[in-house]
């Protein structure tokens, strides 16, 4: 049963990444009194990278995770516009689509089959098609002269987006503390890799871990170009004169914050697909751990056996794309007692 607005609880959000800020902003906008605590700095962890690819899963083998992400991507334009208007700052969001080169006849056949399923699943909201004219000089090289073009993918500038979210949250009356402070009232834990470790320890079994990612940014101006997906590699033009390239997925590392030769190889792969980037100067190299839940789906809901505590974690690679919907669902759960969490996303679903 929904709570009357007059008795909305005070909420503490622990963690200043994309899940923490988006949930804090959404709850503050709905009338709660929200305080966000970030131990280090806003965007200090996995949310602070340069890439910002907001793109869909392939339209096949549909499941709750893919539907949740689709819903979030479709609500993103209006959601981020609301954030930008409140903050009077840009997030760098733009839905400009995505191009993927097709390597051979088999890849073309798979892509063409997905055109029909995309039409069924996405309806009129977006299109997935196989094309022979990309209509842009930013298209990656394709050995077959064909590409997948989808109109659902969007880009966002992660650091500017977090800055805008923090500003919008404060404008609405929310407060932020940087440092090691404990929670008060209802508490939402959005503490990324450290939070997965805490959950695992508290519940007595491994529920996820950090996966190292490395990414870089180049000085190259292509503000209106679509993003590219080239054999698993994201190439994302932003509207601030940069192109971001990412990312690695490393299960073994010596230092999670250090970039190394693996990032150099990523850069070389991007140049092979996009030769015009060869002479673009590297202006940023980034590395961090990204929280991957054991189920690969986000972990949302109540913290088991810990009344008044909740979790939003595990946004591995899809945190910005999932954020508007995660914020909506967690605000509904904490403020109204409404459980709209999909099957497979609850913390309990990760328990063996």
C-alpha atoms as a PDB file:
ATOM      1  CA  UNK A   1       0.000   0.000   0.000  1.00  0.00           C
ATOM      2  CA  UNK A   2       1.338   3.442  -0.913  1.00  0.00           C
ATOM      3  CA  UNK A   3       2.369   5.786   1.886  1.00  0.00           C
ATOM      4  CA  UNK A   4       0.656   9.210   2.088  1.00  0.00           C
ATOM      5  CA  UNK A   5       3.000  11.892   0.801  1.00  0.00           C
ATOM      6  CA  UNK A   6       3.014  13.539   4.254  1.00  0.00           C
ATOM      7  CA  UNK A   7       4.807  10.592   5.798  1.00  0.00           C
ATOM      8  CA  UNK A   8       7.449   9.926   3.159  1.00  0.00           C
ATOM      9  CA  UNK A   9      10.576   8.763   4.976  1.00  0.00           C
ATOM     10  CA  UNK A  10      13.933  10.442   5.220  1.00  0.00           C
ATOM     11  CA  UNK A  11      16.282   8.476   2.976  1.00  0.00           C
ATOM     12  CA  UNK A  12      20.058   8.143   2.965  1.00  0.00           C
ATOM     13  CA  UNK A  13      21.646   7.060  -0.296  1.00  0.00           C
ATOM     14  CA  UNK A  14      25.110   5.586   0.125  1.00  0.00           C
ATOM     15  CA  UNK A  15      27.179   6.022  -3.037  1.00  0.00           C
ATOM     16  CA  UNK A  16      27.629   8.825  -5.559  1.00  0.00           C
ATOM     17  CA  UNK A  17      27.707   6.910  -8.847  1.00  0.00           C
ATOM     18  CA  UNK A  18      24.995   6.778 -11.481  1.00  0.00           C
ATOM     19  CA  UNK A  19      22.628   4.493  -9.534  1.00  0.00           C
ATOM     20  CA  UNK A  20      23.025   6.476  -6.310  1.00  0.00           C
ATOM     21  CA  UNK A  21      22.565   9.905  -7.868  1.00  0.00           C
ATOM     22  CA  UNK A  22      19.693   8.902 -10.129  1.00  0.00           C
ATOM     23  CA  UNK A  23      17.778   7.270  -7.267  1.00  0.00           C
ATOM     24  CA  UNK A  24      18.501  10.187  -4.928  1.00  0.00           C
ATOM     25  CA  UNK A  25      17.309  12.696  -7.521  1.00  0.00           C
ATOM     26  CA  UNK A  26      14.145  10.725  -8.289  1.00  0.00           C
ATOM     27  CA  UNK A  27      13.183  10.337  -4.640  1.00  0.00           C
ATOM     28  CA  UNK A  28      13.897  14.002  -3.892  1.00  0.00           C
ATOM     29  CA  UNK A  29      11.772  14.987  -6.878  1.00  0.00           C
ATOM     30  CA  UNK A  30       8.915  12.926  -5.444  1.00  0.00           C
ATOM     31  CA  UNK A  31       8.964  14.791  -2.167  1.00  0.00           C
ATOM     32  CA  UNK A  32      11.243  12.740   0.086  1.00  0.00           C
ATOM     33  CA  UNK A  33      14.056  14.322   2.086  1.00  0.00           C
ATOM     34  CA  UNK A  34      17.174  12.641   0.750  1.00  0.00           C
ATOM     35  CA  UNK A  35      20.786  12.821   1.870  1.00  0.00           C
ATOM     36  CA  UNK A  36      23.498  11.270  -0.304  1.00  0.00           C
ATOM     37  CA  UNK A  37      26.797  10.138   1.174  1.00  0.00           C
ATOM     38  CA  UNK A  38      29.797   9.488  -1.083  1.00  0.00           C
ATOM     39  CA  UNK A  39      33.008   8.331   0.554  1.00  0.00           C
ATOM     40  CA  UNK A  40      35.466   9.705  -2.036  1.00  0.00           C
ATOM     41  CA  UNK A  41      34.050  11.937  -4.794  1.00  0.00           C
ATOM     42  CA  UNK A  42      31.065  12.002  -7.120  1.00  0.00           C
ATOM     43  CA  UNK A  43      31.776   9.529  -9.924  1.00  0.00           C
ATOM     44  CA  UNK A  44      34.922   8.255  -8.235  1.00  0.00           C
ATOM     45  CA  UNK A  45      34.227   4.646  -9.253  1.00  0.00           C
ATOM     46  CA  UNK A  46      32.942   2.901 -12.336  1.00  0.00           C
ATOM     47  CA  UNK A  47      30.476   5.671 -13.269  1.00  0.00           C
ATOM     48  CA  UNK A  48      33.241   8.189 -13.849  1.00  0.00           C
ATOM     49  CA  UNK A  49      34.634   6.776 -17.089  1.00  0.00           C
ATOM     50  CA  UNK A  50      34.520   8.579 -20.451  1.00  0.00           C
ATOM     51  CA  UNK A  51      32.510   6.185 -22.653  1.00  0.00           C
ATOM     52  CA  UNK A  52      28.765   6.695 -22.055  1.00  0.00           C
ATOM     53  CA  UNK A  53      27.322   4.207 -24.549  1.00  0.00           C
ATOM     54  CA  UNK A  54      23.595   3.710 -23.903  1.00  0.00           C
ATOM     55  CA  UNK A  55      22.686   0.909 -26.272  1.00  0.00           C
ATOM     56  CA  UNK A  56      20.222  -1.994 -26.356  1.00  0.00           C
ATOM     57  CA  UNK A  57      20.676  -5.722 -26.202  1.00  0.00           C
ATOM     58  CA  UNK A  58      20.143  -7.529 -29.491  1.00  0.00           C
ATOM     59  CA  UNK A  59      16.422  -7.989 -30.195  1.00  0.00           C
ATOM     60  CA  UNK A  60      16.184 -11.728 -29.656  1.00  0.00           C
ATOM     61  CA  UNK A  61      15.906 -14.268 -26.809  1.00  0.00           C
ATOM     62  CA  UNK A  62      13.850 -11.665 -24.955  1.00  0.00           C
ATOM     63  CA  UNK A  63      13.882 -11.654 -21.157  1.00  0.00           C
ATOM     64  CA  UNK A  64      13.036  -9.313 -18.256  1.00  0.00           C
ATOM     65  CA  UNK A  65      16.501  -7.758 -18.270  1.00  0.00           C
ATOM     66  CA  UNK A  66      16.205  -6.771 -21.938  1.00  0.00           C
ATOM     67  CA  UNK A  67      12.678  -5.431 -21.464  1.00  0.00           C
ATOM     68  CA  UNK A  68      13.756  -3.399 -18.425  1.00  0.00           C
ATOM     69  CA  UNK A  69      16.620  -1.900 -20.398  1.00  0.00           C
ATOM     70  CA  UNK A  70      14.333  -1.147 -23.357  1.00  0.00           C
ATOM     71  CA  UNK A  71      11.872   0.638 -21.068  1.00  0.00           C
ATOM     72  CA  UNK A  72      14.734   2.649 -19.572  1.00  0.00           C
ATOM     73  CA  UNK A  73      16.223   3.630 -22.919  1.00  0.00           C
ATOM     74  CA  UNK A  74      12.824   4.790 -24.156  1.00  0.00           C
ATOM     75  CA  UNK A  75      12.234   6.982 -21.103  1.00  0.00           C
ATOM     76  CA  UNK A  76      15.798   8.356 -21.084  1.00  0.00           C
ATOM     77  CA  UNK A  77      15.324  11.394 -23.349  1.00  0.00           C
ATOM     78  CA  UNK A  78      12.538  12.902 -21.260  1.00  0.00           C
ATOM     79  CA  UNK A  79      14.201  11.900 -17.986  1.00  0.00           C
ATOM     80  CA  UNK A  80      17.543  13.502 -18.819  1.00  0.00           C
ATOM     81  CA  UNK A  81      15.796  16.585 -20.218  1.00  0.00           C
ATOM     82  CA  UNK A  82      14.114  16.996 -16.846  1.00  0.00           C
ATOM     83  CA  UNK A  83      17.484  16.688 -15.083  1.00  0.00           C
ATOM     84  CA  UNK A  84      19.100  19.215 -17.420  1.00  0.00           C
ATOM     85  CA  UNK A  85      16.261  21.714 -17.011  1.00  0.00           C
ATOM     86  CA  UNK A  86      16.394  21.455 -13.224  1.00  0.00           C
ATOM     87  CA  UNK A  87      20.190  21.761 -13.114  1.00  0.00           C
ATOM     88  CA  UNK A  88      20.609  24.248 -15.990  1.00  0.00           C
ATOM     89  CA  UNK A  89      23.451  21.982 -17.121  1.00  0.00           C
ATOM     90  CA  UNK A  90      23.948  19.598 -20.033  1.00  0.00           C
ATOM     91  CA  UNK A  91      24.397  15.862 -19.551  1.00  0.00           C
ATOM     92  CA  UNK A  92      25.679  15.350 -23.085  1.00  0.00           C
ATOM     93  CA  UNK A  93      22.710  13.070 -23.823  1.00  0.00           C
ATOM     94  CA  UNK A  94      21.715  12.570 -27.457  1.00  0.00           C
ATOM     95  CA  UNK A  95      19.928   9.702 -29.172  1.00  0.00           C
ATOM     96  CA  UNK A  96      21.911   9.514 -32.416  1.00  0.00           C
ATOM     97  CA  UNK A  97      21.797   5.768 -33.068  1.00  0.00           C
ATOM     98  CA  UNK A  98      24.558   3.258 -33.617  1.00  0.00           C
ATOM     99  CA  UNK A  99      26.390   1.575 -36.511  1.00  0.00           C
ATOM    100  CA  UNK A 100      27.891  -1.929 -36.443  1.00  0.00           C
ATOM    101  CA  UNK A 101      29.955  -3.306 -39.356  1.00  0.00           C
ATOM    102  CA  UNK A 102      28.989  -6.786 -40.545  1.00  0.00           C
ATOM    103  CA  UNK A 103      31.938  -9.100 -41.115  1.00  0.00           C
ATOM    104  CA  UNK A 104      30.531 -11.783 -43.432  1.00  0.00           C
ATOM    105  CA  UNK A 105      27.441 -13.323 -44.995  1.00  0.00           C
ATOM    106  CA  UNK A 106      26.530 -15.180 -41.812  1.00  0.00           C
ATOM    107  CA  UNK A 107      26.605 -11.948 -39.794  1.00  0.00           C
ATOM    108  CA  UNK A 108      24.409 -10.279 -42.405  1.00  0.00           C
ATOM    109  CA  UNK A 109      21.870 -13.110 -42.197  1.00  0.00           C
ATOM    110  CA  UNK A 110      21.727 -12.893 -38.399  1.00  0.00           C
ATOM    111  CA  UNK A 111      21.313  -9.123 -38.547  1.00  0.00           C
ATOM    112  CA  UNK A 112      18.541  -9.325 -41.135  1.00  0.00           C
ATOM    113  CA  UNK A 113      16.663 -11.876 -39.019  1.00  0.00           C
ATOM    114  CA  UNK A 114      16.809  -9.467 -36.094  1.00  0.00           C
ATOM    115  CA  UNK A 115      15.120  -6.755 -38.148  1.00  0.00           C
ATOM    116  CA  UNK A 116      11.774  -8.539 -37.839  1.00  0.00           C
ATOM    117  CA  UNK A 117      12.121  -9.278 -34.122  1.00  0.00           C
ATOM    118  CA  UNK A 118      13.131  -5.661 -33.447  1.00  0.00           C
ATOM    119  CA  UNK A 119       9.969  -4.509 -35.189  1.00  0.00           C
ATOM    120  CA  UNK A 120       7.923  -6.815 -32.952  1.00  0.00           C
ATOM    121  CA  UNK A 121       9.686  -5.905 -29.706  1.00  0.00           C
ATOM    122  CA  UNK A 122      10.451  -2.230 -30.241  1.00  0.00           C
ATOM    123  CA  UNK A 123       7.354  -1.337 -32.246  1.00  0.00           C
ATOM    124  CA  UNK A 124       7.448   2.158 -33.697  1.00  0.00           C
ATOM    125  CA  UNK A 125       9.770   3.416 -30.970  1.00  0.00           C
ATOM    126  CA  UNK A 126      13.008   2.473 -32.757  1.00  0.00           C
ATOM    127  CA  UNK A 127      14.343   0.627 -35.773  1.00  0.00           C
ATOM    128  CA  UNK A 128      17.003  -2.052 -36.397  1.00  0.00           C
ATOM    129  CA  UNK A 129      18.001  -2.383 -40.049  1.00  0.00           C
ATOM    130  CA  UNK A 130      20.760  -3.630 -42.332  1.00  0.00           C
ATOM    131  CA  UNK A 131      22.043  -0.852 -44.572  1.00  0.00           C
ATOM    132  CA  UNK A 132      24.594  -0.379 -47.353  1.00  0.00           C
ATOM    133  CA  UNK A 133      24.849   3.419 -47.082  1.00  0.00           C
ATOM    134  CA  UNK A 134      25.606   4.632 -43.547  1.00  0.00           C
ATOM    135  CA  UNK A 135      25.093   8.243 -44.524  1.00  0.00           C
ATOM    136  CA  UNK A 136      28.055   9.469 -42.506  1.00  0.00           C
ATOM    137  CA  UNK A 137      31.798   9.673 -42.900  1.00  0.00           C
ATOM    138  CA  UNK A 138      32.123   8.385 -39.334  1.00  0.00           C
ATOM    139  CA  UNK A 139      31.036   4.844 -40.275  1.00  0.00           C
ATOM    140  CA  UNK A 140      33.552   2.117 -39.372  1.00  0.00           C
ATOM    141  CA  UNK A 141      35.185   0.074 -42.117  1.00  0.00           C
ATOM    142  CA  UNK A 142      33.069  -2.926 -43.115  1.00  0.00           C
ATOM    143  CA  UNK A 143      34.467  -5.855 -45.135  1.00  0.00           C
ATOM    144  CA  UNK A 144      31.007  -6.562 -46.570  1.00  0.00           C
ATOM    145  CA  UNK A 145      29.969  -2.975 -47.196  1.00  0.00           C
ATOM    146  CA  UNK A 146      27.018  -3.454 -44.855  1.00  0.00           C
ATOM    147  CA  UNK A 147      26.196  -2.226 -41.373  1.00  0.00           C
ATOM    148  CA  UNK A 148      23.535  -2.635 -38.752  1.00  0.00           C
ATOM    149  CA  UNK A 149      21.910   0.674 -37.970  1.00  0.00           C
ATOM    150  CA  UNK A 150      19.756   0.989 -34.864  1.00  0.00           C
ATOM    151  CA  UNK A 151      17.962   4.180 -33.861  1.00  0.00           C
ATOM    152  CA  UNK A 152      17.537   3.244 -30.192  1.00  0.00           C
ATOM    153  CA  UNK A 153      21.137   3.762 -29.037  1.00  0.00           C
ATOM    154  CA  UNK A 154      22.050   7.015 -27.321  1.00  0.00           C
ATOM    155  CA  UNK A 155      25.166   8.559 -25.877  1.00  0.00           C
ATOM    156  CA  UNK A 156      25.772  10.471 -22.685  1.00  0.00           C
ATOM    157  CA  UNK A 157      28.819  12.146 -21.200  1.00  0.00           C
ATOM    158  CA  UNK A 158      29.168  10.303 -17.873  1.00  0.00           C
ATOM    159  CA  UNK A 159      31.028  12.989 -15.963  1.00  0.00           C
ATOM    160  CA  UNK A 160      28.823  15.855 -17.127  1.00  0.00           C
ATOM    161  CA  UNK A 161      25.748  13.703 -16.498  1.00  0.00           C
ATOM    162  CA  UNK A 162      26.792  13.044 -12.899  1.00  0.00           C
ATOM    163  CA  UNK A 163      27.523  16.739 -12.393  1.00  0.00           C
ATOM    164  CA  UNK A 164      24.085  17.627 -13.767  1.00  0.00           C
ATOM    165  CA  UNK A 165      22.386  15.007 -11.593  1.00  0.00           C
ATOM    166  CA  UNK A 166      24.142  16.246  -8.459  1.00  0.00           C
ATOM    167  CA  UNK A 167      23.194  19.835  -9.281  1.00  0.00           C
ATOM    168  CA  UNK A 168      19.558  18.914  -9.994  1.00  0.00           C
ATOM    169  CA  UNK A 169      19.378  16.939  -6.752  1.00  0.00           C
ATOM    170  CA  UNK A 170      20.723  19.881  -4.748  1.00  0.00           C
ATOM    171  CA  UNK A 171      18.415  22.321  -6.544  1.00  0.00           C
ATOM    172  CA  UNK A 172      15.469  20.249  -5.350  1.00  0.00           C
ATOM    173  CA  UNK A 173      16.733  20.416  -1.770  1.00  0.00           C
ATOM    174  CA  UNK A 174      18.829  17.262  -1.539  1.00  0.00           C
ATOM    175  CA  UNK A 175      22.098  17.277   0.373  1.00  0.00           C
ATOM    176  CA  UNK A 176      25.433  15.588  -0.350  1.00  0.00           C
ATOM    177  CA  UNK A 177      28.211  14.716   2.087  1.00  0.00           C
ATOM    178  CA  UNK A 178      31.666  13.645   0.927  1.00  0.00           C
ATOM    179  CA  UNK A 179      33.436  11.487   3.505  1.00  0.00           C
ATOM    180  CA  UNK A 180      32.973   8.462   5.701  1.00  0.00           C
ATOM    181  CA  UNK A 181      29.555   9.049   7.272  1.00  0.00           C
ATOM    182  CA  UNK A 182      26.971   6.518   8.350  1.00  0.00           C
ATOM    183  CA  UNK A 183      23.341   6.377   7.147  1.00  0.00           C
ATOM    184  CA  UNK A 184      20.197   7.551   8.905  1.00  0.00           C
ATOM    185  CA  UNK A 185      16.583   6.558   8.228  1.00  0.00           C
ATOM    186  CA  UNK A 186      15.716   4.383   5.256  1.00  0.00           C
ATOM    187  CA  UNK A 187      18.967   3.573   3.462  1.00  0.00           C
ATOM    188  CA  UNK A 188      19.742   2.689  -0.146  1.00  0.00           C
ATOM    189  CA  UNK A 189      23.156   1.134  -0.767  1.00  0.00           C
ATOM    190  CA  UNK A 190      24.561   1.887  -4.235  1.00  0.00           C
ATOM    191  CA  UNK A 191      28.219   1.351  -3.421  1.00  0.00           C
ATOM    192  CA  UNK A 192      29.337  -0.627  -6.461  1.00  0.00           C
ATOM    193  CA  UNK A 193      32.115  -3.179  -6.136  1.00  0.00           C
ATOM    194  CA  UNK A 194      32.596  -2.505  -2.419  1.00  0.00           C
ATOM    195  CA  UNK A 195      28.863  -2.964  -1.928  1.00  0.00           C
ATOM    196  CA  UNK A 196      28.899  -6.339  -3.667  1.00  0.00           C
ATOM    197  CA  UNK A 197      31.669  -7.422  -1.312  1.00  0.00           C
ATOM    198  CA  UNK A 198      29.664  -6.216   1.699  1.00  0.00           C
ATOM    199  CA  UNK A 199      26.557  -8.062   0.516  1.00  0.00           C
ATOM    200  CA  UNK A 200      28.533 -11.226  -0.125  1.00  0.00           C
ATOM    201  CA  UNK A 201      30.042 -11.135   3.356  1.00  0.00           C
ATOM    202  CA  UNK A 202      26.715 -10.374   5.044  1.00  0.00           C
ATOM    203  CA  UNK A 203      24.819 -13.125   3.203  1.00  0.00           C
ATOM    204  CA  UNK A 204      27.590 -15.710   3.300  1.00  0.00           C
ATOM    205  CA  UNK A 205      28.048 -16.365  -0.395  1.00  0.00           C
ATOM    206  CA  UNK A 206      29.616 -14.637  -3.425  1.00  0.00           C
ATOM    207  CA  UNK A 207      27.054 -12.394  -5.095  1.00  0.00           C
ATOM    208  CA  UNK A 208      29.343 -10.594  -7.522  1.00  0.00           C
ATOM    209  CA  UNK A 209      32.694  -8.932  -7.959  1.00  0.00           C
ATOM    210  CA  UNK A 210      34.500  -6.104  -9.656  1.00  0.00           C
ATOM    211  CA  UNK A 211      35.627  -6.431 -13.271  1.00  0.00           C
ATOM    212  CA  UNK A 212      38.342  -4.026 -14.333  1.00  0.00           C
ATOM    213  CA  UNK A 213      37.634  -1.807 -17.309  1.00  0.00           C
ATOM    214  CA  UNK A 214      39.973   0.528 -19.177  1.00  0.00           C
ATOM    215  CA  UNK A 215      38.906   3.250 -21.598  1.00  0.00           C
ATOM    216  CA  UNK A 216      40.340   6.327 -23.269  1.00  0.00           C
ATOM    217  CA  UNK A 217      39.258   9.555 -24.922  1.00  0.00           C
ATOM    218  CA  UNK A 218      40.635  11.211 -28.046  1.00  0.00           C
ATOM    219  CA  UNK A 219      40.470  14.829 -29.173  1.00  0.00           C
ATOM    220  CA  UNK A 220      38.257  14.512 -32.252  1.00  0.00           C
ATOM    221  CA  UNK A 221      35.209  16.608 -33.091  1.00  0.00           C
ATOM    222  CA  UNK A 222      32.201  14.660 -34.401  1.00  0.00           C
ATOM    223  CA  UNK A 223      29.322  15.869 -32.205  1.00  0.00           C
ATOM    224  CA  UNK A 224      26.480  14.656 -34.412  1.00  0.00           C
ATOM    225  CA  UNK A 225      27.911  11.269 -35.416  1.00  0.00           C
ATOM    226  CA  UNK A 226      26.378   7.971 -34.275  1.00  0.00           C
ATOM    227  CA  UNK A 227      28.217   5.725 -31.875  1.00  0.00           C
ATOM    228  CA  UNK A 228      29.921   2.624 -33.231  1.00  0.00           C
ATOM    229  CA  UNK A 229      30.111  -0.974 -32.050  1.00  0.00           C
ATOM    230  CA  UNK A 230      33.009  -2.759 -33.719  1.00  0.00           C
ATOM    231  CA  UNK A 231      33.532  -6.376 -32.647  1.00  0.00           C
ATOM    232  CA  UNK A 232      32.587  -5.564 -29.066  1.00  0.00           C
ATOM    233  CA  UNK A 233      34.465  -2.251 -29.029  1.00  0.00           C
ATOM    234  CA  UNK A 234      32.529   0.967 -28.332  1.00  0.00           C
ATOM    235  CA  UNK A 235      33.515   4.166 -30.143  1.00  0.00           C
ATOM    236  CA  UNK A 236      31.380   7.048 -28.868  1.00  0.00           C
ATOM    237  CA  UNK A 237      31.584  10.635 -30.198  1.00  0.00           C
ATOM    238  CA  UNK A 238      30.573  13.332 -27.719  1.00  0.00           C
ATOM    239  CA  UNK A 239      29.542  16.936 -28.224  1.00  0.00           C
ATOM    240  CA  UNK A 240      32.589  18.367 -26.448  1.00  0.00           C
ATOM    241  CA  UNK A 241      35.176  17.577 -29.126  1.00  0.00           C
ATOM    242  CA  UNK A 242      36.051  14.108 -27.878  1.00  0.00           C
ATOM    243  CA  UNK A 243      35.587  10.503 -28.962  1.00  0.00           C
ATOM    244  CA  UNK A 244      35.603   7.849 -26.241  1.00  0.00           C
ATOM    245  CA  UNK A 245      36.791   4.264 -26.762  1.00  0.00           C
ATOM    246  CA  UNK A 246      36.084   1.393 -24.414  1.00  0.00           C
ATOM    247  CA  UNK A 247      36.395  -0.883 -22.796  1.00  0.00           C
ATOM    248  CA  UNK A 248      38.314  -3.866 -21.552  1.00  0.00           C
ATOM    249  CA  UNK A 249      36.767  -6.504 -19.267  1.00  0.00           C
ATOM    250  CA  UNK A 250      39.508  -7.889 -17.046  1.00  0.00           C
ATOM    251  CA  UNK A 251      38.968 -10.548 -14.406  1.00  0.00           C
ATOM    252  CA  UNK A 252      42.635 -10.505 -13.330  1.00  0.00           C
ATOM    253  CA  UNK A 253      44.650  -7.353 -12.663  1.00  0.00           C
ATOM    254  CA  UNK A 254      47.465  -5.990 -10.528  1.00  0.00           C
ATOM    255  CA  UNK A 255      46.075  -2.492  -9.935  1.00  0.00           C
ATOM    256  CA  UNK A 256      42.465  -1.607 -10.770  1.00  0.00           C
ATOM    257  CA  UNK A 257      43.252   2.087 -11.284  1.00  0.00           C
ATOM    258  CA  UNK A 258      46.243   1.739 -13.634  1.00  0.00           C
ATOM    259  CA  UNK A 259      46.045   1.746 -17.437  1.00  0.00           C
ATOM    260  CA  UNK A 260      48.422  -0.481 -19.362  1.00  0.00           C
ATOM    261  CA  UNK A 261      49.148  -2.172 -22.683  1.00  0.00           C
ATOM    262  CA  UNK A 262      45.652  -3.628 -22.867  1.00  0.00           C
ATOM    263  CA  UNK A 263      44.332  -0.104 -23.365  1.00  0.00           C
ATOM    264  CA  UNK A 264      46.935   0.511 -26.063  1.00  0.00           C
ATOM    265  CA  UNK A 265      45.618  -2.565 -27.888  1.00  0.00           C
ATOM    266  CA  UNK A 266      42.065  -1.256 -27.534  1.00  0.00           C
ATOM    267  CA  UNK A 267      43.174   2.016 -29.114  1.00  0.00           C
ATOM    268  CA  UNK A 268      44.846   0.157 -31.983  1.00  0.00           C
ATOM    269  CA  UNK A 269      41.688  -1.878 -32.640  1.00  0.00           C
ATOM    270  CA  UNK A 270      39.628   1.301 -32.792  1.00  0.00           C
ATOM    271  CA  UNK A 271      42.020   2.867 -35.300  1.00  0.00           C
ATOM    272  CA  UNK A 272      41.853  -0.281 -37.450  1.00  0.00           C
ATOM    273  CA  UNK A 273      38.069   0.136 -37.717  1.00  0.00           C
ATOM    274  CA  UNK A 274      38.232   3.953 -37.889  1.00  0.00           C
ATOM    275  CA  UNK A 275      41.505   4.999 -39.589  1.00  0.00           C
ATOM    276  CA  UNK A 276      40.623   8.703 -39.387  1.00  0.00           C
ATOM    277  CA  UNK A 277      41.202   8.490 -35.635  1.00  0.00           C
ATOM    278  CA  UNK A 278      44.856   7.524 -36.093  1.00  0.00           C
ATOM    279  CA  UNK A 279      46.292  10.992 -35.460  1.00  0.00           C
ATOM    280  CA  UNK A 280      43.739  12.108 -32.870  1.00  0.00           C
ATOM    281  CA  UNK A 281      45.576  12.923 -29.623  1.00  0.00           C
ATOM    282  CA  UNK A 282      44.830  10.836 -26.543  1.00  0.00           C
ATOM    283  CA  UNK A 283      43.573  13.214 -23.856  1.00  0.00           C
ATOM    284  CA  UNK A 284      42.370  10.798 -21.185  1.00  0.00           C
ATOM    285  CA  UNK A 285      43.193   7.275 -20.023  1.00  0.00           C
ATOM    286  CA  UNK A 286      40.930   5.750 -17.386  1.00  0.00           C
ATOM    287  CA  UNK A 287      40.623   2.520 -15.402  1.00  0.00           C
ATOM    288  CA  UNK A 288      38.363   1.336 -12.597  1.00  0.00           C
ATOM    289  CA  UNK A 289      36.427  -1.657 -11.291  1.00  0.00           C
ATOM    290  CA  UNK A 290      32.838  -2.125 -12.468  1.00  0.00           C
ATOM    291  CA  UNK A 291      30.377  -4.077 -10.308  1.00  0.00           C
ATOM    292  CA  UNK A 292      29.123  -7.267 -11.958  1.00  0.00           C
ATOM    293  CA  UNK A 293      26.515  -9.257 -10.062  1.00  0.00           C
ATOM    294  CA  UNK A 294      26.652 -13.041 -10.191  1.00  0.00           C
ATOM    295  CA  UNK A 295      23.451 -13.137 -12.258  1.00  0.00           C
ATOM    296  CA  UNK A 296      24.735 -10.412 -14.648  1.00  0.00           C
ATOM    297  CA  UNK A 297      21.468  -8.516 -13.982  1.00  0.00           C
ATOM    298  CA  UNK A 298      21.239  -5.490 -11.683  1.00  0.00           C
ATOM    299  CA  UNK A 299      20.537  -6.316  -8.028  1.00  0.00           C
ATOM    300  CA  UNK A 300      17.583  -4.295  -6.753  1.00  0.00           C
ATOM    301  CA  UNK A 301      15.365  -4.432  -3.710  1.00  0.00           C
ATOM    302  CA  UNK A 302      15.454  -4.988   0.037  1.00  0.00           C
ATOM    303  CA  UNK A 303      18.661  -6.054   1.754  1.00  0.00           C
ATOM    304  CA  UNK A 304      17.701  -9.485   3.150  1.00  0.00           C
ATOM    305  CA  UNK A 305      17.370  -9.613   6.951  1.00  0.00           C
ATOM    306  CA  UNK A 306      18.251  -5.934   7.281  1.00  0.00           C
ATOM    307  CA  UNK A 307      15.018  -3.929   7.739  1.00  0.00           C
ATOM    308  CA  UNK A 308      15.038  -0.421   6.309  1.00  0.00           C
ATOM    309  CA  UNK A 309      17.997  -1.127   4.042  1.00  0.00           C
ATOM    310  CA  UNK A 310      17.827  -1.504   0.267  1.00  0.00           C
ATOM    311  CA  UNK A 311      20.210  -2.229  -2.616  1.00  0.00           C
ATOM    312  CA  UNK A 312      20.723  -0.960  -6.161  1.00  0.00           C
ATOM    313  CA  UNK A 313      23.911  -2.435  -7.561  1.00  0.00           C
ATOM    314  CA  UNK A 314      25.423  -4.463 -10.388  1.00  0.00           C
ATOM    315  CA  UNK A 315      25.019  -2.050 -13.289  1.00  0.00           C
ATOM    316  CA  UNK A 316      27.904  -3.675 -15.153  1.00  0.00           C
ATOM    317  CA  UNK A 317      28.337  -1.860 -18.515  1.00  0.00           C
ATOM    318  CA  UNK A 318      24.674  -0.795 -18.561  1.00  0.00           C
ATOM    319  CA  UNK A 319      24.424   1.540 -15.590  1.00  0.00           C
ATOM    320  CA  UNK A 320      23.617   4.738 -17.495  1.00  0.00           C
ATOM    321  CA  UNK A 321      21.200   2.962 -19.810  1.00  0.00           C
ATOM    322  CA  UNK A 322      19.381   1.373 -16.870  1.00  0.00           C
ATOM    323  CA  UNK A 323      19.487   4.405 -14.550  1.00  0.00           C
ATOM    324  CA  UNK A 324      16.136   6.104 -15.302  1.00  0.00           C
ATOM    325  CA  UNK A 325      14.192   2.877 -14.815  1.00  0.00           C
ATOM    326  CA  UNK A 326      16.234   1.822 -11.769  1.00  0.00           C
ATOM    327  CA  UNK A 327      15.498   5.217 -10.206  1.00  0.00           C
ATOM    328  CA  UNK A 328      11.786   4.884 -10.933  1.00  0.00           C
ATOM    329  CA  UNK A 329      11.557   1.365  -9.513  1.00  0.00           C
ATOM    330  CA  UNK A 330      13.621   2.031  -6.379  1.00  0.00           C
ATOM    331  CA  UNK A 331      11.749   5.264  -5.625  1.00  0.00           C
ATOM    332  CA  UNK A 332       8.488   3.350  -5.917  1.00  0.00           C
ATOM    333  CA  UNK A 333       9.759   0.618  -3.603  1.00  0.00           C
ATOM    334  CA  UNK A 334      11.228   2.840  -0.892  1.00  0.00           C
ATOM    335  CA  UNK A 335       8.688   5.670  -0.897  1.00  0.00           C
ATOM    336  CA  UNK A 336       5.469   3.891  -1.829  1.00  0.00           C
ATOM    337  CA  UNK A 337       6.067   0.258  -0.950  1.00  0.00           C
ATOM    338  CA  UNK A 338       5.456  -0.643  -4.611  1.00  0.00           C
ATOM    339  CA  UNK A 339       7.479  -3.646  -5.813  1.00  0.00           C
ATOM    340  CA  UNK A 340       7.918  -3.429  -9.590  1.00  0.00           C
ATOM    341  CA  UNK A 341      11.277  -5.219  -9.648  1.00  0.00           C
ATOM    342  CA  UNK A 342      11.476  -7.809 -12.464  1.00  0.00           C
ATOM    343  CA  UNK A 343      12.049 -11.456 -11.677  1.00  0.00           C
ATOM    344  CA  UNK A 344      15.766 -12.148 -11.604  1.00  0.00           C
ATOM    345  CA  UNK A 345      16.685  -8.653 -10.383  1.00  0.00           C
ATOM    346  CA  UNK A 346      15.967  -9.024  -6.665  1.00  0.00           C
ATOM    347  CA  UNK A 347      18.851  -9.534  -4.270  1.00  0.00           C
ATOM    348  CA  UNK A 348      17.239 -12.824  -3.214  1.00  0.00           C
ATOM    349  CA  UNK A 349      17.412 -14.047  -6.818  1.00  0.00           C
ATOM    350  CA  UNK A 350      21.208 -14.049  -6.548  1.00  0.00           C
ATOM    351  CA  UNK A 351      21.200 -16.374  -3.547  1.00  0.00           C
ATOM    352  CA  UNK A 352      21.929 -20.005  -4.281  1.00  0.00           C
END
